PDB file of N, CA and C in Angstrom:
ATOM      1  N   MET A   1      -3.666  94.219  94.865  1.00  0.00           N
ATOM      2  CA  MET A   1      -4.680  93.632  93.839  1.00  0.00           C
ATOM      3  C   MET A   1      -3.787  92.369  93.201  1.00  0.00           C
ATOM      4  N   GLU A   2      -4.543  91.411  92.587  1.00  0.00           N
ATOM      5  CA  GLU A   2      -3.994  90.480  91.915  1.00  0.00           C
ATOM      6  C   GLU A   2      -4.362  90.399  90.440  1.00  0.00           C
ATOM      7  N   TRP A   3      -3.321  89.900  89.514  1.00  0.00           N
ATOM      8  CA  TRP A   3      -3.979  89.688  88.340  1.00  0.00           C
ATOM      9  C   TRP A   3      -4.402  88.397  88.132  1.00  0.00           C
ATOM     10  N   THR A   4      -5.321  88.323  87.137  1.00  0.00           N
ATOM     11  CA  THR A   4      -6.176  86.921  87.111  1.00  0.00           C
ATOM     12  C   THR A   4      -5.863  86.413  85.577  1.00  0.00           C
ATOM     13  N   ASN A   5      -6.327  85.241  85.426  1.00  0.00           N
ATOM     14  CA  ASN A   5      -5.932  84.623  84.053  1.00  0.00           C
ATOM     15  C   ASN A   5      -7.062  85.248  83.000  1.00  0.00           C
ATOM     16  N   ASP A   6      -8.115  85.656  83.784  1.00  0.00           N
ATOM     17  CA  ASP A   6      -9.021  86.194  82.962  1.00  0.00           C
ATOM     18  C   ASP A   6      -9.048  87.414  82.039  1.00  0.00           C
ATOM     19  N   TRP A   7      -9.387  87.437  80.737  1.00  0.00           N
ATOM     20  CA  TRP A   7      -9.525  88.676  79.853  1.00  0.00           C
ATOM     21  C   TRP A   7     -10.733  89.352  80.709  1.00  0.00           C
ATOM     22  N   TYR A   8     -10.660  90.769  80.302  1.00  0.00           N
ATOM     23  CA  TYR A   8     -11.760  91.649  80.723  1.00  0.00           C
ATOM     24  C   TYR A   8     -12.608  92.188  79.752  1.00  0.00           C
ATOM     25  N   ASP A   9     -13.781  92.113  79.861  1.00  0.00           N
ATOM     26  CA  ASP A   9     -15.148  92.639  79.085  1.00  0.00           C
ATOM     27  C   ASP A   9     -16.146  93.084  80.022  1.00  0.00           C
ATOM     28  N   ASN A  10     -16.434  94.279  79.956  1.00  0.00           N
ATOM     29  CA  ASN A  10     -17.312  94.999  80.867  1.00  0.00           C
ATOM     30  C   ASN A  10     -18.647  94.250  80.575  1.00  0.00           C
ATOM     31  N   ASN A  11     -18.958  93.879  79.350  1.00  0.00           N
ATOM     32  CA  ASN A  11     -20.311  93.290  78.951  1.00  0.00           C
ATOM     33  C   ASN A  11     -20.298  91.955  79.288  1.00  0.00           C
ATOM     34  N   TYR A  12     -19.264  91.153  79.578  1.00  0.00           N
ATOM     35  CA  TYR A  12     -19.222  89.818  79.942  1.00  0.00           C
ATOM     36  C   TYR A  12     -19.949  89.353  81.463  1.00  0.00           C
ATOM     37  N   TYR A  13     -19.648  90.444  82.303  1.00  0.00           N
ATOM     38  CA  TYR A  13     -20.125  89.991  83.925  1.00  0.00           C
ATOM     39  C   TYR A  13     -21.626  89.644  84.040  1.00  0.00           C
ATOM     40  N   PRO A  14     -22.414  90.460  83.384  1.00  0.00           N
ATOM     41  CA  PRO A  14     -23.824  90.288  83.588  1.00  0.00           C
ATOM     42  C   PRO A  14     -24.087  88.944  83.207  1.00  0.00           C
ATOM     43  N   PHE A  15     -23.550  88.304  82.304  1.00  0.00           N
ATOM     44  CA  PHE A  15     -24.067  87.183  81.582  1.00  0.00           C
ATOM     45  C   PHE A  15     -23.079  85.835  82.113  1.00  0.00           C
ATOM     46  N   MET A  16     -22.270  86.115  82.898  1.00  0.00           N
ATOM     47  CA  MET A  16     -21.230  84.932  83.080  1.00  0.00           C
ATOM     48  C   MET A  16     -21.868  83.862  84.145  1.00  0.00           C
ATOM     49  N   PRO A  17     -21.356  82.683  84.108  1.00  0.00           N
ATOM     50  CA  PRO A  17     -21.795  81.535  84.603  1.00  0.00           C
ATOM     51  C   PRO A  17     -21.588  81.908  86.222  1.00  0.00           C
ATOM     52  N   LYS A  18     -22.693  81.562  87.009  1.00  0.00           N
ATOM     53  CA  LYS A  18     -22.453  81.483  88.405  1.00  0.00           C
ATOM     54  C   LYS A  18     -21.187  81.021  89.237  1.00  0.00           C
ATOM     55  N   ARG A  19     -21.086  79.811  88.345  1.00  0.00           N
ATOM     56  CA  ARG A  19     -20.037  78.994  89.159  1.00  0.00           C
ATOM     57  C   ARG A  19     -18.737  78.993  88.158  1.00  0.00           C
ATOM     58  N   ASN A  20     -17.675  79.213  88.739  1.00  0.00           N
ATOM     59  CA  ASN A  20     -16.185  79.231  88.142  1.00  0.00           C
ATOM     60  C   ASN A  20     -16.124  80.093  86.701  1.00  0.00           C
ATOM     61  N   PRO A  21     -16.837  81.239  86.677  1.00  0.00           N
ATOM     62  CA  PRO A  21     -16.557  81.989  85.386  1.00  0.00           C
ATOM     63  C   PRO A  21     -15.025  82.229  84.963  1.00  0.00           C
ATOM     64  N   ARG A  22     -14.900  81.877  83.692  1.00  0.00           N
ATOM     65  CA  ARG A  22     -13.481  82.015  83.279  1.00  0.00           C
ATOM     66  C   ARG A  22     -13.079  83.151  82.286  1.00  0.00           C
ATOM     67  N   GLY A  23     -14.251  84.017  82.107  1.00  0.00           N
ATOM     68  CA  GLY A  23     -14.035  85.300  81.640  1.00  0.00           C
ATOM     69  C   GLY A  23     -14.187  84.954  79.873  1.00  0.00           C
ATOM     70  N   PRO A  24     -14.036  86.205  79.171  1.00  0.00           N
ATOM     71  CA  PRO A  24     -14.232  85.970  77.849  1.00  0.00           C
ATOM     72  C   PRO A  24     -12.791  85.267  77.195  1.00  0.00           C
ATOM     73  N   GLU A  25     -13.027  84.642  76.055  1.00  0.00           N
ATOM     74  CA  GLU A  25     -11.676  83.944  75.504  1.00  0.00           C
ATOM     75  C   GLU A  25     -10.640  84.811  75.043  1.00  0.00           C
ATOM     76  N   THR A  26     -10.905  86.027  74.707  1.00  0.00           N
ATOM     77  CA  THR A  26      -9.975  86.849  74.184  1.00  0.00           C
ATOM     78  C   THR A  26     -10.252  88.274  74.665  1.00  0.00           C
ATOM     79  N   GLY A  27      -9.300  89.158  74.687  1.00  0.00           N
ATOM     80  CA  GLY A  27      -9.800  90.572  74.773  1.00  0.00           C
ATOM     81  C   GLY A  27      -8.290  91.553  74.751  1.00  0.00           C
ATOM     82  N   ARG A  28      -8.522  92.553  75.189  1.00  0.00           N
ATOM     83  CA  ARG A  28      -7.381  93.607  75.303  1.00  0.00           C
ATOM     84  C   ARG A  28      -6.815  93.858  76.321  1.00  0.00           C
ATOM     85  N   TYR A  29      -7.654  93.785  77.575  1.00  0.00           N
ATOM     86  CA  TYR A  29      -7.055  93.938  79.069  1.00  0.00           C
ATOM     87  C   TYR A  29      -7.301  92.708  79.841  1.00  0.00           C
ATOM     88  N   LYS A  30      -6.599  92.356  80.833  1.00  0.00           N
ATOM     89  CA  LYS A  30      -6.722  91.361  81.803  1.00  0.00           C
ATOM     90  C   LYS A  30      -7.392  91.965  83.052  1.00  0.00           C
ATOM     91  N   SER A  31      -8.119  90.935  83.601  1.00  0.00           N
ATOM     92  CA  SER A  31      -8.684  91.424  85.120  1.00  0.00           C
ATOM     93  C   SER A  31      -7.744  91.280  86.010  1.00  0.00           C
ATOM     94  N   VAL A  32      -7.869  92.518  86.965  1.00  0.00           N
ATOM     95  CA  VAL A  32      -7.121  92.191  88.356  1.00  0.00           C
ATOM     96  C   VAL A  32      -8.310  92.320  89.510  1.00  0.00           C
ATOM     97  N   ARG A  33      -7.974  91.765  90.499  1.00  0.00           N
ATOM     98  CA  ARG A  33      -9.004  91.632  91.537  1.00  0.00           C
ATOM     99  C   ARG A  33      -8.388  91.998  92.958  1.00  0.00           C
ATOM    100  N   GLY A  34      -9.167  92.382  93.959  1.00  0.00           N
ATOM    101  CA  GLY A  34      -8.880  92.515  95.212  1.00  0.00           C
ATOM    102  C   GLY A  34      -8.300  93.763  95.567  1.00  0.00           C
ATOM    103  N   ALA A  35      -7.585  94.091  96.639  1.00  0.00           N
ATOM    104  CA  ALA A  35      -7.087  95.443  97.114  1.00  0.00           C
ATOM    105  C   ALA A  35      -5.895  95.304  97.718  1.00  0.00           C
ATOM    106  N   GLY A  36      -5.227  96.219  97.930  1.00  0.00           N
ATOM    107  CA  GLY A  36      -3.989  96.214  98.713  1.00  0.00           C
ATOM    108  C   GLY A  36      -3.830  97.411  99.614  1.00  0.00           C
ATOM    109  N   TYR A  37      -2.622  97.469 100.182  1.00  0.00           N
ATOM    110  CA  TYR A  37      -2.503  98.608 101.163  1.00  0.00           C
ATOM    111  C   TYR A  37      -2.759 100.163 100.537  1.00  0.00           C
ATOM    112  N   ALA A  38      -2.457 100.222  99.310  1.00  0.00           N
ATOM    113  CA  ALA A  38      -2.440 101.614  98.955  1.00  0.00           C
ATOM    114  C   ALA A  38      -4.106 102.093  98.300  1.00  0.00           C
ATOM    115  N   ASP A  39      -5.069 100.999  98.360  1.00  0.00           N
ATOM    116  CA  ASP A  39      -6.131 100.896  97.698  1.00  0.00           C
ATOM    117  C   ASP A  39      -7.279 101.316  98.778  1.00  0.00           C
ATOM    118  N   GLN A  40      -6.910 101.753 100.192  1.00  0.00           N
ATOM    119  CA  GLN A  40      -8.087 101.845 101.096  1.00  0.00           C
ATOM    120  C   GLN A  40      -9.093 102.900 100.908  1.00  0.00           C
ATOM    121  N   GLY A  41      -8.748 104.130 100.446  1.00  0.00           N
ATOM    122  CA  GLY A  41      -9.680 105.052 100.054  1.00  0.00           C
ATOM    123  C   GLY A  41     -10.823 105.486 101.080  1.00  0.00           C
ATOM    124  N   GLY A  42     -10.582 105.175 102.364  1.00  0.00           N
ATOM    125  CA  GLY A  42     -11.488 105.445 103.282  1.00  0.00           C
ATOM    126  C   GLY A  42     -12.535 104.369 103.485  1.00  0.00           C
ATOM    127  N   HIS A  43     -12.646 103.107 102.577  1.00  0.00           N
ATOM    128  CA  HIS A  43     -13.344 101.968 102.799  1.00  0.00           C
ATOM    129  C   HIS A  43     -12.864 101.043 103.415  1.00  0.00           C
ATOM    130  N   GLY A  44     -11.596 100.929 103.889  1.00  0.00           N
ATOM    131  CA  GLY A  44     -10.817  99.864 104.448  1.00  0.00           C
ATOM    132  C   GLY A  44     -10.743  98.598 103.492  1.00  0.00           C
ATOM    133  N   VAL A  45      -9.742  97.965 103.480  1.00  0.00           N
ATOM    134  CA  VAL A  45      -9.209  96.770 102.582  1.00  0.00           C
ATOM    135  C   VAL A  45     -10.261  95.792 102.563  1.00  0.00           C
ATOM    136  N   GLU A  46     -10.946  95.409 103.948  1.00  0.00           N
ATOM    137  CA  GLU A  46     -11.614  94.617 104.037  1.00  0.00           C
ATOM    138  C   GLU A  46     -13.165  94.567 103.039  1.00  0.00           C
ATOM    139  N   LYS A  47     -13.375  95.741 102.658  1.00  0.00           N
ATOM    140  CA  LYS A  47     -14.611  96.004 101.968  1.00  0.00           C
ATOM    141  C   LYS A  47     -14.361  96.050 100.325  1.00  0.00           C
ATOM    142  N   LEU A  48     -12.949  95.809 100.064  1.00  0.00           N
ATOM    143  CA  LEU A  48     -12.640  95.807  98.794  1.00  0.00           C
ATOM    144  C   LEU A  48     -12.007  94.551  98.333  1.00  0.00           C
ATOM    145  N   VAL A  49     -12.274  93.355  98.904  1.00  0.00           N
ATOM    146  CA  VAL A  49     -11.647  92.100  98.580  1.00  0.00           C
ATOM    147  C   VAL A  49     -12.457  91.695  97.210  1.00  0.00           C
ATOM    148  N   ASP A  50     -13.525  92.064  96.884  1.00  0.00           N
ATOM    149  CA  ASP A  50     -14.344  91.614  95.746  1.00  0.00           C
ATOM    150  C   ASP A  50     -14.124  92.660  94.566  1.00  0.00           C
ATOM    151  N   TYR A  51     -13.389  93.500  94.939  1.00  0.00           N
ATOM    152  CA  TYR A  51     -13.130  94.469  93.749  1.00  0.00           C
ATOM    153  C   TYR A  51     -12.684  93.988  92.525  1.00  0.00           C
ATOM    154  N   ARG A  52     -13.245  94.407  91.459  1.00  0.00           N
ATOM    155  CA  ARG A  52     -12.752  94.088  90.040  1.00  0.00           C
ATOM    156  C   ARG A  52     -12.339  95.079  89.063  1.00  0.00           C
ATOM    157  N   ASN A  53     -11.213  95.283  88.499  1.00  0.00           N
ATOM    158  CA  ASN A  53     -10.766  96.190  87.875  1.00  0.00           C
ATOM    159  C   ASN A  53     -10.196  95.391  86.423  1.00  0.00           C
ATOM    160  N   PHE A  54      -9.461  96.414  85.522  1.00  0.00           N
ATOM    161  CA  PHE A  54      -8.699  95.634  84.250  1.00  0.00           C
ATOM    162  C   PHE A  54      -7.614  96.607  84.118  1.00  0.00           C
ATOM    163  N   SER A  55      -6.665  96.044  83.433  1.00  0.00           N
ATOM    164  CA  SER A  55      -5.414  96.510  83.183  1.00  0.00           C
ATOM    165  C   SER A  55      -4.800  95.894  81.835  1.00  0.00           C
ATOM    166  N   ASP A  56      -3.872  96.645  81.200  1.00  0.00           N
ATOM    167  CA  ASP A  56      -3.152  96.170  79.853  1.00  0.00           C
ATOM    168  C   ASP A  56      -2.302  95.272  80.781  1.00  0.00           C
ATOM    169  N   PRO A  57      -2.120  93.958  79.809  1.00  0.00           N
ATOM    170  CA  PRO A  57      -1.167  92.775  80.450  1.00  0.00           C
ATOM    171  C   PRO A  57       0.124  93.127  80.480  1.00  0.00           C
ATOM    172  N   ASP A  58       0.543  94.252  79.866  1.00  0.00           N
ATOM    173  CA  ASP A  58       2.105  94.602  79.771  1.00  0.00           C
ATOM    174  C   ASP A  58       2.261  95.542  80.930  1.00  0.00           C
ATOM    175  N   THR A  59       1.153  95.971  81.717  1.00  0.00           N
ATOM    176  CA  THR A  59       1.497  96.903  82.916  1.00  0.00           C
ATOM    177  C   THR A  59       2.306  96.176  83.874  1.00  0.00           C
ATOM    178  N   ARG A  60       3.154  97.111  84.693  1.00  0.00           N
ATOM    179  CA  ARG A  60       3.890  96.661  85.602  1.00  0.00           C
ATOM    180  C   ARG A  60       3.728  97.739  86.820  1.00  0.00           C
ATOM    181  N   MET A  61       3.012  97.374  88.182  1.00  0.00           N
ATOM    182  CA  MET A  61       2.897  98.283  89.096  1.00  0.00           C
ATOM    183  C   MET A  61       3.253  97.560  90.314  1.00  0.00           C
ATOM    184  N   THR A  62       3.779  98.183  91.491  1.00  0.00           N
ATOM    185  CA  THR A  62       4.265  97.516  92.726  1.00  0.00           C
ATOM    186  C   THR A  62       2.690  97.313  93.382  1.00  0.00           C
ATOM    187  N   THR A  63       1.640  97.702  92.963  1.00  0.00           N
ATOM    188  CA  THR A  63       0.638  97.433  93.732  1.00  0.00           C
ATOM    189  C   THR A  63      -0.397  96.372  93.088  1.00  0.00           C
ATOM    190  N   ILE A  64       0.026  95.674  91.941  1.00  0.00           N
ATOM    191  CA  ILE A  64      -0.494  94.517  91.415  1.00  0.00           C
ATOM    192  C   ILE A  64       0.516  93.304  91.390  1.00  0.00           C
ATOM    193  N   GLY A  65       0.071  92.023  91.895  1.00  0.00           N
ATOM    194  CA  GLY A  65       0.875  91.149  91.918  1.00  0.00           C
ATOM    195  C   GLY A  65       0.248  89.860  91.382  1.00  0.00           C
ATOM    196  N   PHE A  66       0.453  88.638  92.034  1.00  0.00           N
ATOM    197  CA  PHE A  66      -0.035  87.558  91.515  1.00  0.00           C
ATOM    198  C   PHE A  66       0.048  86.352  92.525  1.00  0.00           C
ATOM    199  N   ARG A  67      -0.829  85.525  92.470  1.00  0.00           N
ATOM    200  CA  ARG A  67      -0.867  84.198  93.565  1.00  0.00           C
ATOM    201  C   ARG A  67      -0.783  82.967  92.669  1.00  0.00           C
ATOM    202  N   CYS A  68       0.144  82.160  93.001  1.00  0.00           N
ATOM    203  CA  CYS A  68      -0.009  80.808  92.614  1.00  0.00           C
ATOM    204  C   CYS A  68      -0.822  79.980  93.496  1.00  0.00           C
ATOM    205  N   ALA A  69      -1.563  79.276  92.838  1.00  0.00           N
ATOM    206  CA  ALA A  69      -2.491  78.304  93.365  1.00  0.00           C
ATOM    207  C   ALA A  69      -2.543  76.963  92.621  1.00  0.00           C
ATOM    208  N   LYS A  70      -2.829  75.919  93.375  1.00  0.00           N
ATOM    209  CA  LYS A  70      -3.129  74.733  92.708  1.00  0.00           C
ATOM    210  C   LYS A  70      -4.348  74.230  92.832  1.00  0.00           C
TER     211      LYS A  70
END
């Protein structure tokens, strides 16, 4: 899984813009997306690439990373 820059709000997603949603302006949790080797759960990683969840920004786990992109 990867951290995103977006704050998480479960009520935001039904109303978000279709192109380049940036998430709510503030929040308690940050969004994490995707999947990793430990998240297969019988579904296979290829079926979890669009998975979205949230976590406290101070959380540190070996299964959540980040990606640098330009």
